[in-house]
Amino acid sequence: MDALKAVFEAKKVEGIPALVTFVTAGYPRTRDTVPILLAMQAGGADIIELGVPFSDPKTNTVALKNDIEYATVLGMLREARSQGLKAPVLLMGYYNPMLAYGEDKAIQDAREAGANGFIMVDLPPEEALNFRDKCTKADLSYVPLIAPSTSLHRIQFLSSIADSFIYVVSKMGTTGSSILGTMNAALPDIIARIREYTAVPLAVGFGVATRAHFDVVANAGADGVVVGSRLVSIIKEAPLDSIPQNVENYCLQISLKGQPTRIRSLPTSNTSTPSNGALKSPTVALLPARFGQFGGQYVPEALFDCLVELEEAHNSAINDPKFWEEFQGYYGYMNRPSKLYFAESLTKHAGGAQIWLKREDLNHTGSHKINNAIGQILLARRLGKTRIIAETGAGQHGVATATVCARFDMECVVYMGAEDVRRQALNVFRMNMLGAKVIPVESGSRTLKDAVNEAMRDWVTNLSTTHYLVGSCIGPHPFPTIVRDFQKVIGQEIKSQLKEAKGKLPDVIVACVGGGSNAIGTFYDFIPDKNVKLVGVEAGGEGLDGDRHSATLSKGQPGVLHGVRTYILQSKAGQIIETHSVSAGLDYPGVGPEHSWLKDSGRAEYVAATDEEALRGFRLCTQLEGIIPALESSHAVWEGVRRAKTLPKDTDLVICLSGRGDKDVEQISELLPGKWADKLDWHI
């Protein structure tokens, strides 16, 4: 920490800002990192950010293919120090690899390797209380970030906890997405706003590519200038044997090391006296942000105040009878209440419990997704947003979002993994017909996880106009609560409908689980009813013995993904494992945090159905009831029928039929002629 402070004090005497450079460890090759670090120092870099790879697109993907883990990064830093690296180094990255490594060990080993602190992209101070304390005790810096969207109250709070400097994000966006060569004209105002509260040095990043940009940021009053994306390009474009030299030459162009210093005139600062110690966070949770240890808001600073705004809007809406009156006013459009149907043929086939199907497949657009889409678009209108973005896997949420955007005349952009675009071509066409723009995502596994990544990138860049209409009970608080609140109508209706039909509560409720929105909507109203068994069915893919599945609760471990602490499928090093399922909508390596809590508390049971079992469930429902279910729902059908066989005939078992299978017919027609026709003995 002291080394960081010393750099800024020295640069202040010189009258020029510190040059802060960035490189991803292990990019483009493992052996390149140490020479790049030394080249940056030789080129005049005063502080270096060393990126710790995480399962995310761009340079991280390359580094992960090179088997770069947190321990590897520390080894590189240790080696660079032994070869003469003196510049302070900050480890920059996402929280989950640290969590998997162990916080205490991660901090202690970082200090021993020669690190000076951390910049944690998705660990805001509210989620970092223990982490910050441990850093302070180890004399390592925890560097807070401030974005253009950060409110004044929050700026004051973030300034109060800064121990070496503050990283100021000069414009909205994500690392690497900023258009090089464009600087934010409002930067002097942003810096002046922060200076109202602190004398701590400010390092400004995003978009800096040339010495001219460096001077613009310097003249705006920055104490440090961060160069990242341009260096990534320099490294990418350089011949492999020339990377260190090209990096050094570029840094020399920016730092002007060895040339006469041009003393800048420092802007007049209206800095108040810094507070003695950290202030309390100005954020007051209106709704519970956690379910036991799960939930939270592990997000970049740029999103924090937006999530606060969203929480306030949702809290206001759910406590406003007029909002619910408006929501229920669209029941005719949504086709609510959905029917609770006694599945006589499935019941006869099982020979045990009475099987009931909650017919969410009969909703407008063909699934439960319309419930959440209507609710969230009404919220978006309350917030004054004009543009809607969404992620989708199977396409059902995308179709529901495109539908409500058409109904309310709002711009709609849907992100969808390229693999899902291929296997759900019909839903892609439906979205296009409804006026939505569907953007295929080519990164990663090209499925739902990657679609969420890109939707997040879009949202953080366009917060002022855009609402991210999240499709499942995933993501940072308040999204899991919002989605649940609009889906809980499913369970409420089951309770009243079965009471009317049988005068009792169901004995067992079964629902499929990917992110888990239909399941939490089905389960929620029954959580206090301890005699009702709640069963979630995950995608077992090709079996739980290998990695070709999406059974997060059955095989995963607690971690942080997409802004929330929950169960995730991850390696020992905290990297996300690619998932597989025959159903696109369950093909996700995380799950809603409320499901994680239900699992750990023992209130719900989670099992898995394989691809083969799901296809058998699909066939059973299709041929016995004349109802073609979605492949996602077919997982629940299989488990529901299997379980019904073991139960007495006076038992009532409800399966949430979350969606219809029209979207899957083409995929089934492609699957059957291969191995599945003989395996299932189903020849069409």
Foldseek 3Di string as FASTA:
>chain_A
DVLLQVLLVVVVVLQAAAEEEEDEQQPQHNVVVLLQLVLLVLLRHQEYEYEAAFFADDRSVNNVVNVGFLVSSLVSLLVSVVVPRDHAYEYEEACFLCVLVDLLCSLVSNVVSRHQAYEHQQQACVNCVVSCVSCVVSNHFYEEEAEPQDDLLQLLQNQQSGDAAHEYEQAFFDPLPADAPDGDPCNLVVVQSSLQRHPHAYEYEGRYAALVSSVVNVQSAHNYYYDYNNLSVQQVPDDVVCNSVSSSVRSCRNNVPPDDRDNDDHDDGNHDDHDDHGDDRPQDQPDDQALVVWFAFRHGNLCVVVLSVLRVLVSVLVVDVVNVVVLVVCCVVFVPPFDWAFQVLLCVVLVFAGEIERPQCPTVLRFLQLLLLSSVVVSCVVVVAQAEEEEAFLLSNLLSNLQVCLVVVGAYEYEAFPVNCVQQVVSVVSSVVSPYHYDFFDDDPSARQNRLSVLVRVCSNPVVRYDYSYRALDAHPPSVVSLLVSLLVSQVCQQVNVCVVPVDHAQEEEEEFAQQSNLSSNCVVCLVVQSYAREYEAEQEPHDVDQATQQQLVPFDFGDGRGMTFGFCADSSSHHRFYHHLARRRRGGTYRSNVRSCVVVVSYHYYYDYNLLLVVLQVCCCVRVVFRADSRLSRRSSVQSVVRSVHHHHGYYYRHRRGGHPSNPVVCVVPCVPPNCVVVVPDD
